Protein backbone atom coordinates (compact mmCIF):
# COMPACT_ATOMS: atom_id res chain seq x y z
CA MET A 1 0.00 0.00 0.00
CA ASN A 2 1.36 3.40 -0.97
CA PRO A 3 1.14 5.57 2.19
CA THR A 4 1.20 8.79 0.14
CA ALA A 5 -1.65 7.82 -2.19
CA PRO A 6 -5.03 9.43 -1.52
CA LEU A 7 -7.19 7.43 0.85
CA LEU A 8 -10.26 9.34 -0.34
CA ARG A 9 -10.91 10.70 -3.83
CA VAL A 10 -14.13 12.61 -4.51
CA THR A 11 -14.63 13.54 -8.18
CA GLU A 12 -17.34 15.80 -9.66
CA LEU A 13 -19.79 14.80 -6.95
CA SER A 14 -23.34 16.09 -7.11
CA LYS A 15 -26.34 15.43 -4.89
CA THR A 16 -29.94 16.38 -5.64
CA PHE A 17 -32.93 15.79 -3.41
CA MET A 18 -36.42 15.39 -4.83
CA LEU A 19 -39.01 17.21 -2.70
CA HIS A 20 -42.06 14.96 -3.10
CA GLN A 21 -44.26 17.18 -0.92
CA GLN A 22 -43.49 20.16 -3.16
CA GLY A 23 -44.61 18.70 -6.45
CA GLY A 24 -41.40 16.82 -7.17
CA ALA A 25 -39.20 19.91 -7.09
CA HIS A 26 -35.45 19.29 -7.09
CA LEU A 27 -33.02 20.73 -4.55
CA ASN A 28 -29.34 20.75 -5.50
CA VAL A 29 -27.17 20.56 -2.37
CA LEU A 30 -23.86 19.52 -3.96
CA GLU A 31 -22.59 20.28 -7.44
CA GLY A 32 -19.25 19.29 -8.91
CA VAL A 33 -17.35 18.69 -5.66
CA SER A 34 -13.84 17.27 -6.07
CA LEU A 35 -11.18 16.70 -3.40
CA GLU A 36 -8.51 14.26 -2.31
CA VAL A 37 -7.42 13.40 1.22
CA ARG A 38 -4.24 11.55 2.14
CA PRO A 39 -3.17 9.85 5.37
CA GLY A 40 -1.94 12.44 7.86
CA GLU A 41 -4.12 15.25 6.48
CA CYS A 42 -6.99 17.07 8.14
CA VAL A 43 -9.09 18.70 5.43
CA VAL A 44 -11.63 21.16 6.81
CA LEU A 45 -14.77 22.02 4.84
CA HIS A 46 -15.60 25.70 5.20
CA GLY A 47 -18.43 27.78 3.86
CA PRO A 48 -21.83 29.31 4.64
CA SER A 49 -24.75 27.40 6.09
CA GLY A 50 -26.43 25.46 3.32
CA ALA A 51 -23.23 24.95 1.31
CA GLY A 52 -23.61 21.17 1.61
CA LYS A 53 -20.78 20.43 4.04
CA SER A 54 -22.73 17.91 6.15
CA SER A 55 -24.31 16.44 3.01
CA LEU A 56 -20.83 15.78 1.61
CA LEU A 57 -19.82 13.90 4.77
CA LYS A 58 -23.02 11.85 4.62
CA CYS A 59 -22.34 10.97 0.98
CA ILE A 60 -18.80 9.84 1.85
CA TYR A 61 -20.15 7.72 4.71
CA GLY A 62 -22.84 6.25 2.48
CA ASN A 63 -25.87 7.69 4.29
CA TYR A 64 -26.76 9.69 1.15
CA ARG A 65 -26.56 8.29 -2.36
CA ALA A 66 -24.78 10.61 -4.75
CA THR A 67 -26.64 11.74 -7.87
CA ARG A 68 -23.49 11.95 -10.00
CA GLY A 69 -19.74 11.61 -9.60
CA SER A 70 -17.59 9.19 -7.62
CA ILE A 71 -16.39 8.66 -4.04
CA LEU A 72 -13.39 6.34 -4.07
CA LEU A 73 -12.21 4.88 -0.75
CA ARG A 74 -8.98 2.88 -0.69
CA HIS A 75 -8.78 -0.34 1.30
CA LEU A 76 -6.08 -3.04 0.95
CA ASP A 77 -4.82 -1.49 -2.32
CA GLU A 78 -8.31 -1.53 -3.84
CA GLU A 79 -10.62 1.43 -4.40
CA HIS A 80 -14.34 1.12 -3.78
CA ASP A 81 -16.79 3.66 -5.18
CA ILE A 82 -19.15 4.45 -2.31
CA ALA A 83 -21.38 6.41 -4.69
CA TYR A 84 -22.51 3.16 -6.33
CA ALA A 85 -21.45 0.44 -3.87
CA ALA A 86 -23.78 -2.27 -2.64
CA PRO A 87 -24.97 -1.90 0.98
CA ARG A 88 -22.73 -4.78 2.14
CA THR A 89 -19.68 -3.02 0.68
CA ILE A 90 -20.60 0.22 2.44
CA LEU A 91 -20.98 -1.66 5.74
CA ARG A 92 -17.61 -3.34 5.22
CA MET A 93 -15.94 0.02 4.57
CA ARG A 94 -17.53 1.44 7.72
CA GLU A 95 -16.20 -1.49 9.70
CA HIS A 96 -12.63 -1.27 8.42
CA VAL A 97 -12.00 2.16 6.85
CA VAL A 98 -14.26 5.07 7.72
CA GLY A 99 -15.52 6.39 11.05
CA TYR A 100 -18.08 9.16 11.50
CA VAL A 101 -18.75 11.49 14.43
CA SER A 102 -22.00 13.34 13.80
CA GLN A 103 -23.37 16.34 15.65
CA PHE A 104 -25.84 14.19 17.58
CA LEU A 105 -25.47 11.08 19.70
CA ARG A 106 -27.64 8.19 18.57
CA ALA A 107 -27.68 5.35 21.08
CA VAL A 108 -29.97 2.48 22.00
CA PRO A 109 -32.25 3.63 24.85
CA ARG A 110 -31.47 2.41 28.38
CA VAL A 111 -27.94 1.23 27.45
CA PRO A 112 -25.35 2.55 29.98
CA THR A 113 -22.87 5.13 28.76
CA LEU A 114 -19.84 2.87 29.25
CA ASP A 115 -21.41 0.20 27.03
CA VAL A 116 -22.36 2.79 24.40
CA VAL A 117 -18.75 3.92 24.14
CA ALA A 118 -17.23 0.42 24.28
CA GLU A 119 -19.56 -1.13 21.68
CA PRO A 120 -17.44 -0.40 18.55
CA LEU A 121 -14.64 -2.56 19.97
CA ILE A 122 -16.75 -5.21 21.68
CA GLY A 123 -18.67 -6.09 18.50
CA GLY A 124 -19.50 -9.78 18.53
CA HIS A 125 -17.26 -10.64 21.48
CA ALA A 126 -18.82 -12.13 24.57
CA ARG A 127 -19.24 -9.48 27.25
CA ALA A 128 -17.06 -11.43 29.68
CA SER A 129 -14.25 -12.05 27.18
CA GLU A 130 -10.78 -10.54 27.44
CA ALA A 131 -11.41 -8.45 24.30
CA ALA A 132 -14.58 -7.01 25.84
CA MET A 133 -12.78 -6.17 29.08
CA GLU A 134 -10.02 -4.41 27.13
CA ALA A 135 -12.68 -2.46 25.21
CA ARG A 136 -14.34 -1.35 28.44
CA TYR A 137 -10.95 -0.27 29.82
CA ARG A 138 -10.30 1.87 26.73
CA ALA A 139 -13.81 3.32 27.02
CA GLU A 140 -13.11 4.23 30.64
CA GLN A 141 -9.89 6.02 29.65
CA LEU A 142 -11.67 8.03 26.97
CA LEU A 143 -14.51 8.98 29.30
CA LEU A 144 -12.01 10.09 31.94
CA ARG A 145 -10.07 12.13 29.38
CA LEU A 146 -13.29 13.81 28.25
CA ARG A 147 -14.30 14.49 31.85
CA ILE A 148 -17.46 12.39 31.98
CA PRO A 149 -17.85 11.68 35.73
CA MET A 150 -17.70 8.04 36.81
CA ARG A 151 -21.11 8.38 38.47
CA LEU A 152 -22.61 8.76 34.98
CA TRP A 153 -20.96 5.73 33.35
CA ASN A 154 -23.83 3.38 34.23
CA VAL A 155 -26.49 5.92 33.26
CA PRO A 156 -27.97 6.03 29.71
CA PRO A 157 -26.61 9.14 27.92
CA ALA A 158 -30.10 10.19 26.78
CA THR A 159 -30.45 11.89 30.18
CA PHE A 160 -27.26 13.97 29.74
CA SER A 161 -26.81 17.60 28.76
CA GLY A 162 -26.00 18.44 25.14
CA GLY A 163 -22.30 18.93 25.92
CA GLU A 164 -22.09 15.65 27.84
CA GLN A 165 -23.80 13.77 25.02
CA GLN A 166 -21.36 15.26 22.52
CA ARG A 167 -18.39 14.12 24.61
CA VAL A 168 -19.84 10.59 24.80
CA ASN A 169 -20.32 10.74 21.02
CA ILE A 170 -16.68 11.72 20.53
CA ALA A 171 -15.47 8.99 22.89
CA ARG A 172 -17.44 6.42 20.92
CA GLY A 173 -16.09 7.77 17.63
CA PHE A 174 -12.49 7.52 18.84
CA MET A 175 -12.84 4.04 20.35
CA ARG A 176 -11.70 2.28 17.22
CA MET A 177 -9.41 4.42 15.12
CA LYS A 178 -9.93 3.93 11.40
CA PRO A 179 -7.92 5.19 8.42
CA LEU A 180 -10.54 7.85 7.54
CA LEU A 181 -12.39 9.92 10.15
CA LEU A 182 -15.34 12.19 9.31
CA LEU A 183 -16.12 14.88 11.88
CA ASP A 184 -19.28 17.00 11.76
CA GLU A 185 -18.90 19.87 14.25
CA PRO A 186 -17.19 17.78 16.96
CA THR A 187 -16.45 20.81 19.15
CA ALA A 188 -19.98 22.25 19.09
CA SER A 189 -21.69 22.49 22.52
CA LEU A 190 -18.38 21.98 24.34
CA ASP A 191 -16.83 24.09 27.09
CA GLU A 192 -13.32 25.45 26.65
CA ASP A 193 -11.52 22.60 28.44
CA SER A 194 -13.42 19.91 26.54
CA ARG A 195 -12.83 21.72 23.26
CA SER A 196 -9.09 21.74 23.92
CA THR A 197 -9.14 18.02 24.71
CA VAL A 198 -10.99 17.18 21.50
CA ILE A 199 -8.56 19.29 19.46
CA GLU A 200 -5.69 17.33 21.03
CA MET A 201 -7.37 14.02 20.17
CA ILE A 202 -7.94 15.06 16.56
CA ASN A 203 -4.33 16.17 16.14
CA GLU A 204 -3.08 12.93 17.69
CA ALA A 205 -5.17 10.91 15.24
CA ARG A 206 -3.94 12.99 12.30
CA ASP A 207 -0.30 12.74 13.39
CA SER A 208 -0.63 8.96 13.74
CA GLY A 209 -1.63 8.77 10.06
CA ALA A 210 -5.42 9.09 9.96
CA ALA A 211 -7.00 11.00 7.09
CA ILE A 212 -9.59 13.42 8.47
CA VAL A 213 -12.38 15.44 6.86
CA GLY A 214 -14.13 17.79 9.24
CA ILE A 215 -16.51 20.69 9.67
CA PHE A 216 -15.57 23.28 12.30
CA HIS A 217 -17.49 26.54 12.64
CA ASP A 218 -15.25 27.37 15.60
CA ALA A 219 -12.37 29.32 14.04
CA ARG A 220 -9.90 28.38 16.77
CA ALA A 221 -10.56 24.65 16.36
CA ARG A 222 -10.40 24.96 12.58
CA ASN A 223 -7.06 26.75 12.68
CA GLU A 224 -5.53 24.27 15.13
CA VAL A 225 -6.45 21.06 13.31
CA ALA A 226 -6.53 21.92 9.59
CA THR A 227 -3.75 21.10 7.18
CA ARG A 228 -5.98 22.35 4.33
CA VAL A 229 -9.23 24.29 4.12
CA VAL A 230 -11.65 23.59 1.26
CA GLU A 231 -14.02 26.47 0.57
CA MET A 232 -17.52 25.46 -0.48
CA ASN A 233 -19.98 27.89 -2.02
CA GLU A 234 -23.76 28.01 -1.72
CA LEU A 235 -24.17 25.14 -4.20
CA GLY A 236 -21.69 22.94 -2.39
CA ALA A 237 -19.03 23.20 -5.08
CA ALA A 238 -15.51 22.97 -3.72
CA ARG A 239 -13.81 25.95 -5.35
CA ALA A 240 -10.35 26.04 -3.81
CA ALA A 241 -8.05 24.47 -1.28
CA GLN A 242 -5.76 26.57 0.88
CA ASP A 243 -2.77 25.27 2.85
CA THR A 244 -2.81 26.34 6.48
CA GLU A 245 0.50 24.79 7.51
């Protein structure tokens, strides 16, 4: 595997939604987006609200189907086009290649916080197995680092504040580091200390070789993590990339 080759290649990507409740009107949210991301880069998407930044991340993750263009993800020296991949291929890429931290925590109701965070590493392992115990230990370390009090670890996160839920979401997203990490406003709703911790975690992941694509409306966070900034206009077209190193 060539470590300098792009891990992600997006080419002439467009996404159109059909508004069935408005007579079949079409809404273009992305048009002609192209970018490449290599291991060790943090590419930040920047632009006004409605420019399609979150839609682009959801297309890369496979939540949205692209209307045109390609989204090539590299895995084991093969490239898979997420824009047209079968669901099983998308699930395999999520398991091995791409992680996604959204703005909102989605967890099974009544599941304790520690189990929510540990789940990505426990997978199909028996809860009493050595692998499961190691996963729970890593989850504990992440929760401590993100200042989630121990008294909350056995409480479902649905009862938490917005900032606490976001920290649990970040801990879960960093449980199993994958080659590509998608971050949608990871520092939103966070206090200053938590924001600094998350910035440190992102930079550690980038410096260890992860390729990162993120959205940061917080200028300080954006400036501290970005190796490049991609400007997106109101139609979601990526017009230019600017080095920030």
